[in-house]
PDB file of N, CA and C in Angstrom:
ATOM      1  N   MET A   1     103.038 -39.713  38.973  1.00  0.00           N
ATOM      2  CA  MET A   1     103.308 -41.130  38.870  1.00  0.00           C
ATOM      3  C   MET A   1     102.785 -41.817  40.130  1.00  0.00           C
ATOM      4  N   VAL A   2     102.332 -43.045  39.951  1.00  0.00           N
ATOM      5  CA  VAL A   2     101.795 -43.851  41.044  1.00  0.00           C
ATOM      6  C   VAL A   2     102.564 -45.168  41.094  1.00  0.00           C
ATOM      7  N   TYR A   3     102.883 -45.596  42.310  1.00  0.00           N
ATOM      8  CA  TYR A   3     103.589 -46.858  42.502  1.00  0.00           C
ATOM      9  C   TYR A   3     102.671 -47.879  43.157  1.00  0.00           C
ATOM     10  N   LEU A   4     102.732 -49.082  42.666  1.00  0.00           N
ATOM     11  CA  LEU A   4     102.059 -50.228  43.260  1.00  0.00           C
ATOM     12  C   LEU A   4     103.155 -51.137  43.779  1.00  0.00           C
ATOM     13  N   GLN A   5     103.192 -51.330  45.086  1.00  0.00           N
ATOM     14  CA  GLN A   5     104.199 -52.179  45.715  1.00  0.00           C
ATOM     15  C   GLN A   5     103.506 -53.420  46.249  1.00  0.00           C
ATOM     16  N   ILE A   6     103.997 -54.581  45.851  1.00  0.00           N
ATOM     17  CA  ILE A   6     103.435 -55.842  46.334  1.00  0.00           C
ATOM     18  C   ILE A   6     104.546 -56.618  47.033  1.00  0.00           C
ATOM     19  N   GLY A   7     104.377 -56.793  48.346  1.00  0.00           N
ATOM     20  CA  GLY A   7     105.332 -57.552  49.141  1.00  0.00           C
ATOM     21  C   GLY A   7     104.911 -59.007  49.187  1.00  0.00           C
ATOM     22  N   LEU A   8     105.850 -59.889  48.883  1.00  0.00           N
ATOM     23  CA  LEU A   8     105.573 -61.324  48.822  1.00  0.00           C
ATOM     24  C   LEU A   8     106.426 -62.051  49.851  1.00  0.00           C
ATOM     25  N   ASN A   9     105.770 -62.748  50.756  1.00  0.00           N
ATOM     26  CA  ASN A   9     106.474 -63.555  51.747  1.00  0.00           C
ATOM     27  C   ASN A   9     106.721 -64.924  51.116  1.00  0.00           C
ATOM     28  N   VAL A  10     107.940 -65.100  50.609  1.00  0.00           N
ATOM     29  CA  VAL A  10     108.332 -66.310  49.890  1.00  0.00           C
ATOM     30  C   VAL A  10     109.590 -66.869  50.558  1.00  0.00           C
ATOM     31  N   ALA A  11     109.609 -68.169  50.796  1.00  0.00           N
ATOM     32  CA  ALA A  11     110.783 -68.803  51.400  1.00  0.00           C
ATOM     33  C   ALA A  11     112.007 -68.596  50.512  1.00  0.00           C
ATOM     34  N   ALA A  12     113.161 -68.500  51.133  1.00  0.00           N
ATOM     35  CA  ALA A  12     114.401 -68.242  50.387  1.00  0.00           C
ATOM     36  C   ALA A  12     114.607 -69.241  49.249  1.00  0.00           C
ATOM     37  N   GLU A  13     114.292 -70.502  49.482  1.00  0.00           N
ATOM     38  CA  GLU A  13     114.507 -71.519  48.439  1.00  0.00           C
ATOM     39  C   GLU A  13     113.510 -71.396  47.279  1.00  0.00           C
ATOM     40  N   ASP A  14     112.411 -70.663  47.490  1.00  0.00           N
ATOM     41  CA  ASP A  14     111.416 -70.474  46.428  1.00  0.00           C
ATOM     42  C   ASP A  14     111.573 -69.154  45.683  1.00  0.00           C
ATOM     43  N   ARG A  15     112.524 -68.338  46.073  1.00  0.00           N
ATOM     44  CA  ARG A  15     112.694 -67.030  45.428  1.00  0.00           C
ATOM     45  C   ARG A  15     113.108 -67.128  43.966  1.00  0.00           C
ATOM     46  N   PRO A  16     113.939 -68.093  43.565  1.00  0.00           N
ATOM     47  CA  PRO A  16     114.214 -68.225  42.125  1.00  0.00           C
ATOM     48  C   PRO A  16     112.938 -68.505  41.323  1.00  0.00           C
ATOM     49  N   ALA A  17     112.028 -69.293  41.870  1.00  0.00           N
ATOM     50  CA  ALA A  17     110.755 -69.567  41.185  1.00  0.00           C
ATOM     51  C   ALA A  17     109.906 -68.299  41.114  1.00  0.00           C
ATOM     52  N   ALA A  18     109.905 -67.509  42.178  1.00  0.00           N
ATOM     53  CA  ALA A  18     109.166 -66.240  42.166  1.00  0.00           C
ATOM     54  C   ALA A  18     109.763 -65.286  41.134  1.00  0.00           C
ATOM     55  N   ALA A  19     111.083 -65.260  41.041  1.00  0.00           N
ATOM     56  CA  ALA A  19     111.743 -64.411  40.043  1.00  0.00           C
ATOM     57  C   ALA A  19     111.399 -64.854  38.627  1.00  0.00           C
ATOM     58  N   ALA A  20     111.277 -66.152  38.413  1.00  0.00           N
ATOM     59  CA  ALA A  20     110.903 -66.666  37.086  1.00  0.00           C
ATOM     60  C   ALA A  20     109.486 -66.243  36.716  1.00  0.00           C
ATOM     61  N   ILE A  21     108.584 -66.227  37.683  1.00  0.00           N
ATOM     62  CA  ILE A  21     107.212 -65.775  37.435  1.00  0.00           C
ATOM     63  C   ILE A  21     107.209 -64.292  37.104  1.00  0.00           C
ATOM     64  N   TYR A  22     107.983 -63.512  37.842  1.00  0.00           N
ATOM     65  CA  TYR A  22     108.131 -62.082  37.545  1.00  0.00           C
ATOM     66  C   TYR A  22     108.579 -61.891  36.093  1.00  0.00           C
ATOM     67  N   THR A  23     109.612 -62.607  35.692  1.00  0.00           N
ATOM     68  CA  THR A  23     110.145 -62.498  34.329  1.00  0.00           C
ATOM     69  C   THR A  23     109.105 -62.924  33.297  1.00  0.00           C
ATOM     70  N   GLN A  24     108.380 -63.975  33.591  1.00  0.00           N
ATOM     71  CA  GLN A  24     107.363 -64.488  32.677  1.00  0.00           C
ATOM     72  C   GLN A  24     106.291 -63.436  32.364  1.00  0.00           C
ATOM     73  N   PHE A  25     105.879 -62.660  33.345  1.00  0.00           N
ATOM     74  CA  PHE A  25     104.775 -61.727  33.156  1.00  0.00           C
ATOM     75  C   PHE A  25     105.185 -60.274  32.954  1.00  0.00           C
ATOM     76  N   LYS A  26     106.454 -59.938  33.105  1.00  0.00           N
ATOM     77  CA  LYS A  26     106.873 -58.538  32.975  1.00  0.00           C
ATOM     78  C   LYS A  26     106.549 -57.968  31.598  1.00  0.00           C
ATOM     79  N   GLY A  27     106.878 -58.680  30.537  1.00  0.00           N
ATOM     80  CA  GLY A  27     106.615 -58.182  29.186  1.00  0.00           C
ATOM     81  C   GLY A  27     105.140 -57.974  28.920  1.00  0.00           C
ATOM     82  N   LEU A  28     104.318 -58.937  29.347  1.00  0.00           N
ATOM     83  CA  LEU A  28     102.869 -58.803  29.181  1.00  0.00           C
ATOM     84  C   LEU A  28     102.358 -57.588  29.937  1.00  0.00           C
ATOM     85  N   PHE A  29     102.839 -57.391  31.142  1.00  0.00           N
ATOM     86  CA  PHE A  29     102.449 -56.235  31.943  1.00  0.00           C
ATOM     87  C   PHE A  29     102.759 -54.942  31.203  1.00  0.00           C
ATOM     88  N   LEU A  30     103.995 -54.806  30.742  1.00  0.00           N
ATOM     89  CA  LEU A  30     104.405 -53.559  30.080  1.00  0.00           C
ATOM     90  C   LEU A  30     103.710 -53.351  28.739  1.00  0.00           C
ATOM     91  N   ASP A  31     103.418 -54.432  28.031  1.00  0.00           N
ATOM     92  CA  ASP A  31     102.791 -54.336  26.711  1.00  0.00           C
ATOM     93  C   ASP A  31     101.277 -54.199  26.755  1.00  0.00           C
ATOM     94  N   GLN A  32     100.630 -54.791  27.754  1.00  0.00           N
ATOM     95  CA  GLN A  32      99.172 -54.899  27.720  1.00  0.00           C
ATOM     96  C   GLN A  32      98.424 -54.081  28.764  1.00  0.00           C
ATOM     97  N   VAL A  33      99.075 -53.668  29.817  1.00  0.00           N
ATOM     98  CA  VAL A  33      98.360 -52.983  30.898  1.00  0.00           C
ATOM     99  C   VAL A  33      98.359 -51.474  30.636  1.00  0.00           C
ATOM    100  N   LYS A  34      97.156 -50.936  30.538  1.00  0.00           N
ATOM    101  CA  LYS A  34      97.008 -49.504  30.285  1.00  0.00           C
ATOM    102  C   LYS A  34      97.650 -48.704  31.415  1.00  0.00           C
ATOM    103  N   GLY A  35      98.494 -47.766  31.048  1.00  0.00           N
ATOM    104  CA  GLY A  35      99.130 -46.885  32.017  1.00  0.00           C
ATOM    105  C   GLY A  35     100.362 -47.445  32.691  1.00  0.00           C
ATOM    106  N   ALA A  36     100.758 -48.671  32.358  1.00  0.00           N
ATOM    107  CA  ALA A  36     101.943 -49.275  32.974  1.00  0.00           C
ATOM    108  C   ALA A  36     103.209 -48.597  32.459  1.00  0.00           C
ATOM    109  N   LEU A  37     104.108 -48.251  33.366  1.00  0.00           N
ATOM    110  CA  LEU A  37     105.355 -47.581  32.996  1.00  0.00           C
ATOM    111  C   LEU A  37     106.592 -48.436  33.260  1.00  0.00           C
ATOM    112  N   SER A  38     106.588 -49.169  34.384  1.00  0.00           N
ATOM    113  CA  SER A  38     107.741 -50.009  34.706  1.00  0.00           C
ATOM    114  C   SER A  38     107.338 -51.075  35.707  1.00  0.00           C
ATOM    115  N   LYS A  39     108.218 -52.075  35.838  1.00  0.00           N
ATOM    116  CA  LYS A  39     108.017 -53.154  36.810  1.00  0.00           C
ATOM    117  C   LYS A  39     109.402 -53.644  37.221  1.00  0.00           C
ATOM    118  N   ASP A  40     109.672 -53.649  38.528  1.00  0.00           N
ATOM    119  CA  ASP A  40     110.974 -54.056  39.045  1.00  0.00           C
ATOM    120  C   ASP A  40     110.813 -55.078  40.157  1.00  0.00           C
ATOM    121  N   LEU A  41     111.751 -56.004  40.222  1.00  0.00           N
ATOM    122  CA  LEU A  41     111.781 -57.031  41.255  1.00  0.00           C
ATOM    123  C   LEU A  41     112.873 -56.677  42.257  1.00  0.00           C
ATOM    124  N   LEU A  42     112.507 -56.626  43.525  1.00  0.00           N
ATOM    125  CA  LEU A  42     113.447 -56.309  44.597  1.00  0.00           C
ATOM    126  C   LEU A  42     113.488 -57.497  45.550  1.00  0.00           C
ATOM    127  N   ILE A  43     114.637 -58.107  45.693  1.00  0.00           N
ATOM    128  CA  ILE A  43     114.773 -59.271  46.567  1.00  0.00           C
ATOM    129  C   ILE A  43     115.523 -58.845  47.816  1.00  0.00           C
ATOM    130  N   ARG A  44     114.878 -59.027  48.957  1.00  0.00           N
ATOM    131  CA  ARG A  44     115.471 -58.671  50.243  1.00  0.00           C
ATOM    132  C   ARG A  44     115.621 -59.934  51.080  1.00  0.00           C
ATOM    133  N   ASP A  45     116.361 -59.851  52.172  1.00  0.00           N
ATOM    134  CA  ASP A  45     116.514 -61.013  53.053  1.00  0.00           C
ATOM    135  C   ASP A  45     115.168 -61.475  53.596  1.00  0.00           C
ATOM    136  N   GLU A  46     114.281 -60.520  53.879  1.00  0.00           N
ATOM    137  CA  GLU A  46     113.017 -60.873  54.525  1.00  0.00           C
ATOM    138  C   GLU A  46     111.859 -61.161  53.580  1.00  0.00           C
ATOM    139  N   ASP A  47     111.953 -60.711  52.323  1.00  0.00           N
ATOM    140  CA  ASP A  47     110.853 -60.951  51.386  1.00  0.00           C
ATOM    141  C   ASP A  47     111.247 -60.559  49.968  1.00  0.00           C
ATOM    142  N   VAL A  48     110.268 -60.625  49.089  1.00  0.00           N
ATOM    143  CA  VAL A  48     110.423 -60.208  47.703  1.00  0.00           C
ATOM    144  C   VAL A  48     109.419 -59.087  47.467  1.00  0.00           C
ATOM    145  N   GLN A  49     109.848 -58.005  46.843  1.00  0.00           N
ATOM    146  CA  GLN A  49     108.972 -56.882  46.529  1.00  0.00           C
ATOM    147  C   GLN A  49     108.888 -56.735  45.014  1.00  0.00           C
ATOM    148  N   VAL A  50     107.680 -56.502  44.520  1.00  0.00           N
ATOM    149  CA  VAL A  50     107.506 -56.171  43.110  1.00  0.00           C
ATOM    150  C   VAL A  50     106.991 -54.742  43.081  1.00  0.00           C
ATOM    151  N   LEU A  51     107.740 -53.867  42.433  1.00  0.00           N
ATOM    152  CA  LEU A  51     107.406 -52.447  42.366  1.00  0.00           C
ATOM    153  C   LEU A  51     106.997 -52.106  40.942  1.00  0.00           C
ATOM    154  N   HIS A  52     105.757 -51.681  40.791  1.00  0.00           N
ATOM    155  CA  HIS A  52     105.201 -51.293  39.496  1.00  0.00           C
ATOM    156  C   HIS A  52     105.024 -49.779  39.490  1.00  0.00           C
ATOM    157  N   SER A  53     105.147 -49.153  38.348  1.00  0.00           N
ATOM    158  CA  SER A  53     104.783 -47.742  38.252  1.00  0.00           C
ATOM    159  C   SER A  53     103.742 -47.567  37.152  1.00  0.00           C
ATOM    160  N   PHE A  54     102.842 -46.614  37.399  1.00  0.00           N
ATOM    161  CA  PHE A  54     101.718 -46.344  36.516  1.00  0.00           C
ATOM    162  C   PHE A  54     101.574 -44.841  36.307  1.00  0.00           C
ATOM    163  N   ASP A  55     100.806 -44.502  35.292  1.00  0.00           N
ATOM    164  CA  ASP A  55     100.535 -43.092  35.021  1.00  0.00           C
ATOM    165  C   ASP A  55      99.456 -42.518  35.940  1.00  0.00           C
ATOM    166  N   SER A  56      98.676 -43.372  36.614  1.00  0.00           N
ATOM    167  CA  SER A  56      97.605 -42.876  37.479  1.00  0.00           C
ATOM    168  C   SER A  56      97.197 -43.935  38.500  1.00  0.00           C
ATOM    169  N   ASP A  57      96.520 -43.468  39.541  1.00  0.00           N
ATOM    170  CA  ASP A  57      95.962 -44.358  40.552  1.00  0.00           C
ATOM    171  C   ASP A  57      94.934 -45.292  39.911  1.00  0.00           C
ATOM    172  N   GLU A  58      94.136 -44.773  39.017  1.00  0.00           N
ATOM    173  CA  GLU A  58      93.123 -45.574  38.343  1.00  0.00           C
ATOM    174  C   GLU A  58      93.756 -46.743  37.577  1.00  0.00           C
ATOM    175  N   SER A  59      94.865 -46.488  36.887  1.00  0.00           N
ATOM    176  CA  SER A  59      95.551 -47.560  36.149  1.00  0.00           C
ATOM    177  C   SER A  59      96.062 -48.640  37.091  1.00  0.00           C
ATOM    178  N   ALA A  60      96.608 -48.251  38.237  1.00  0.00           N
ATOM    179  CA  ALA A  60      97.113 -49.221  39.212  1.00  0.00           C
ATOM    180  C   ALA A  60      95.974 -50.076  39.751  1.00  0.00           C
ATOM    181  N   ARG A  61      94.869 -49.464  40.098  1.00  0.00           N
ATOM    182  CA  ARG A  61      93.728 -50.196  40.651  1.00  0.00           C
ATOM    183  C   ARG A  61      93.075 -51.093  39.599  1.00  0.00           C
ATOM    184  N   THR A  62      93.044 -50.627  38.366  1.00  0.00           N
ATOM    185  CA  THR A  62      92.493 -51.443  37.279  1.00  0.00           C
ATOM    186  C   THR A  62      93.342 -52.686  37.076  1.00  0.00           C
ATOM    187  N   TYR A  63      94.669 -52.545  37.145  1.00  0.00           N
ATOM    188  CA  TYR A  63      95.555 -53.701  37.007  1.00  0.00           C
ATOM    189  C   TYR A  63      95.272 -54.747  38.094  1.00  0.00           C
ATOM    190  N   LEU A  64      95.070 -54.292  39.332  1.00  0.00           N
ATOM    191  CA  LEU A  64      94.824 -55.226  40.436  1.00  0.00           C
ATOM    192  C   LEU A  64      93.569 -56.066  40.224  1.00  0.00           C
ATOM    193  N   SER A  65      92.623 -55.558  39.470  1.00  0.00           N
ATOM    194  CA  SER A  65      91.396 -56.325  39.214  1.00  0.00           C
ATOM    195  C   SER A  65      91.395 -56.992  37.836  1.00  0.00           C
ATOM    196  N   SER A  66      92.499 -56.878  37.117  1.00  0.00           N
ATOM    197  CA  SER A  66      92.579 -57.420  35.755  1.00  0.00           C
ATOM    198  C   SER A  66      92.729 -58.945  35.753  1.00  0.00           C
ATOM    199  N   THR A  67      92.382 -59.548  34.627  1.00  0.00           N
ATOM    200  CA  THR A  67      92.567 -60.987  34.432  1.00  0.00           C
ATOM    201  C   THR A  67      94.043 -61.352  34.512  1.00  0.00           C
ATOM    202  N   LEU A  68      94.907 -60.534  33.923  1.00  0.00           N
ATOM    203  CA  LEU A  68      96.345 -60.805  33.963  1.00  0.00           C
ATOM    204  C   LEU A  68      96.821 -60.944  35.407  1.00  0.00           C
ATOM    205  N   PHE A  69      96.417 -60.034  36.267  1.00  0.00           N
ATOM    206  CA  PHE A  69      96.860 -60.102  37.655  1.00  0.00           C
ATOM    207  C   PHE A  69      96.121 -61.194  38.424  1.00  0.00           C
ATOM    208  N   GLN A  70      94.796 -61.156  38.422  1.00  0.00           N
ATOM    209  CA  GLN A  70      93.995 -62.051  39.251  1.00  0.00           C
ATOM    210  C   GLN A  70      94.120 -63.527  38.865  1.00  0.00           C
ATOM    211  N   GLN A  71      94.082 -63.811  37.585  1.00  0.00           N
ATOM    212  CA  GLN A  71      94.075 -65.214  37.159  1.00  0.00           C
ATOM    213  C   GLN A  71      95.453 -65.738  36.802  1.00  0.00           C
ATOM    214  N   ASP A  72      96.295 -64.905  36.220  1.00  0.00           N
ATOM    215  CA  ASP A  72      97.598 -65.389  35.766  1.00  0.00           C
ATOM    216  C   ASP A  72      98.676 -65.242  36.843  1.00  0.00           C
ATOM    217  N   VAL A  73      98.942 -64.014  37.263  1.00  0.00           N
ATOM    218  CA  VAL A  73     100.025 -63.764  38.214  1.00  0.00           C
ATOM    219  C   VAL A  73      99.715 -64.382  39.576  1.00  0.00           C
ATOM    220  N   VAL A  74      98.548 -64.094  40.125  1.00  0.00           N
ATOM    221  CA  VAL A  74      98.201 -64.607  41.451  1.00  0.00           C
ATOM    222  C   VAL A  74      98.179 -66.140  41.457  1.00  0.00           C
ATOM    223  N   THR A  75      97.610 -66.733  40.426  1.00  0.00           N
ATOM    224  CA  THR A  75      97.558 -68.198  40.351  1.00  0.00           C
ATOM    225  C   THR A  75      98.958 -68.801  40.306  1.00  0.00           C
ATOM    226  N   ALA A  76      99.855 -68.186  39.549  1.00  0.00           N
ATOM    227  CA  ALA A  76     101.226 -68.695  39.451  1.00  0.00           C
ATOM    228  C   ALA A  76     101.988 -68.557  40.773  1.00  0.00           C
ATOM    229  N   LEU A  77     101.758 -67.451  41.486  1.00  0.00           N
ATOM    230  CA  LEU A  77     102.487 -67.201  42.732  1.00  0.00           C
ATOM    231  C   LEU A  77     101.908 -67.928  43.946  1.00  0.00           C
ATOM    232  N   LYS A  78     100.649 -68.233  43.923  1.00  0.00           N
ATOM    233  CA  LYS A  78      99.951 -68.766  45.100  1.00  0.00           C
ATOM    234  C   LYS A  78     100.669 -69.932  45.786  1.00  0.00           C
ATOM    235  N   PRO A  79     101.186 -70.923  45.059  1.00  0.00           N
ATOM    236  CA  PRO A  79     101.865 -72.037  45.743  1.00  0.00           C
ATOM    237  C   PRO A  79     103.155 -71.626  46.472  1.00  0.00           C
ATOM    238  N   LEU A  80     103.705 -70.477  46.147  1.00  0.00           N
ATOM    239  CA  LEU A  80     104.966 -70.037  46.746  1.00  0.00           C
ATOM    240  C   LEU A  80     104.779 -69.150  47.971  1.00  0.00           C
ATOM    241  N   LEU A  81     103.577 -68.601  48.149  1.00  0.00           N
ATOM    242  CA  LEU A  81     103.340 -67.606  49.192  1.00  0.00           C
ATOM    243  C   LEU A  81     103.138 -68.240  50.561  1.00  0.00           C
ATOM    244  N   LEU A  82     103.837 -67.693  51.559  1.00  0.00           N
ATOM    245  CA  LEU A  82     103.694 -68.144  52.940  1.00  0.00           C
ATOM    246  C   LEU A  82     102.598 -67.382  53.672  1.00  0.00           C
ATOM    247  N   SER A  83     102.194 -66.238  53.114  1.00  0.00           N
ATOM    248  CA  SER A  83     101.121 -65.408  53.673  1.00  0.00           C
ATOM    249  C   SER A  83     100.559 -64.554  52.542  1.00  0.00           C
ATOM    250  N   PRO A  84      99.405 -63.935  52.764  1.00  0.00           N
ATOM    251  CA  PRO A  84      98.838 -63.083  51.711  1.00  0.00           C
ATOM    252  C   PRO A  84      99.792 -61.937  51.350  1.00  0.00           C
ATOM    253  N   PRO A  85      99.796 -61.518  50.094  1.00  0.00           N
ATOM    254  CA  PRO A  85     100.646 -60.404  49.676  1.00  0.00           C
ATOM    255  C   PRO A  85     100.263 -59.110  50.396  1.00  0.00           C
ATOM    256  N   ASP A  86     101.235 -58.255  50.581  1.00  0.00           N
ATOM    257  CA  ASP A  86     101.032 -56.923  51.142  1.00  0.00           C
ATOM    258  C   ASP A  86     100.986 -55.953  49.961  1.00  0.00           C
ATOM    259  N   VAL A  87      99.805 -55.438  49.657  1.00  0.00           N
ATOM    260  CA  VAL A  87      99.607 -54.596  48.483  1.00  0.00           C
ATOM    261  C   VAL A  87      99.420 -53.150  48.929  1.00  0.00           C
ATOM    262  N   ARG A  88     100.240 -52.250  48.364  1.00  0.00           N
ATOM    263  CA  ARG A  88     100.175 -50.826  48.712  1.00  0.00           C
ATOM    264  C   ARG A  88     100.286 -49.986  47.449  1.00  0.00           C
ATOM    265  N   ILE A  89      99.554 -48.889  47.429  1.00  0.00           N
ATOM    266  CA  ILE A  89      99.609 -47.938  46.315  1.00  0.00           C
ATOM    267  C   ILE A  89     100.070 -46.600  46.887  1.00  0.00           C
ATOM    268  N   TYR A  90     101.074 -46.013  46.219  1.00  0.00           N
ATOM    269  CA  TYR A  90     101.641 -44.743  46.640  1.00  0.00           C
ATOM    270  C   TYR A  90     101.582 -43.746  45.489  1.00  0.00           C
ATOM    271  N   ALA A  91     101.309 -42.497  45.798  1.00  0.00           N
ATOM    272  CA  ALA A  91     101.388 -41.424  44.808  1.00  0.00           C
ATOM    273  C   ALA A  91     102.716 -40.709  45.008  1.00  0.00           C
ATOM    274  N   ALA A  92     103.448 -40.469  43.937  1.00  0.00           N
ATOM    275  CA  ALA A  92     104.715 -39.748  44.018  1.00  0.00           C
ATOM    276  C   ALA A  92     104.423 -38.269  44.277  1.00  0.00           C
ATOM    277  N   ALA A  93     105.207 -37.663  45.148  1.00  0.00           N
ATOM    278  CA  ALA A  93     105.024 -36.259  45.477  1.00  0.00           C
ATOM    279  C   ALA A  93     105.705 -35.374  44.452  1.00  0.00           C
TER     280      ALA A  93
END
């Protein structure tokens, strides 16, 4: 299993809007993205994390370059971001 972690620097007052965007695209992600297994939203005091799981590294990287991610998700989140997202891919041991 491979995890894609995206850290979002979003102001506390904008976190409900970020959560709404997460909810809006979660179903599409799970239904349409090849190799997608799960997607979870983690809200911390310092930021918001979106944790995705995939069947392979290739599936995670393909999602990052997909229209769903690049045009839909990124465009929706862009007005809320205080800095560029922190994107990391991890392989489960």
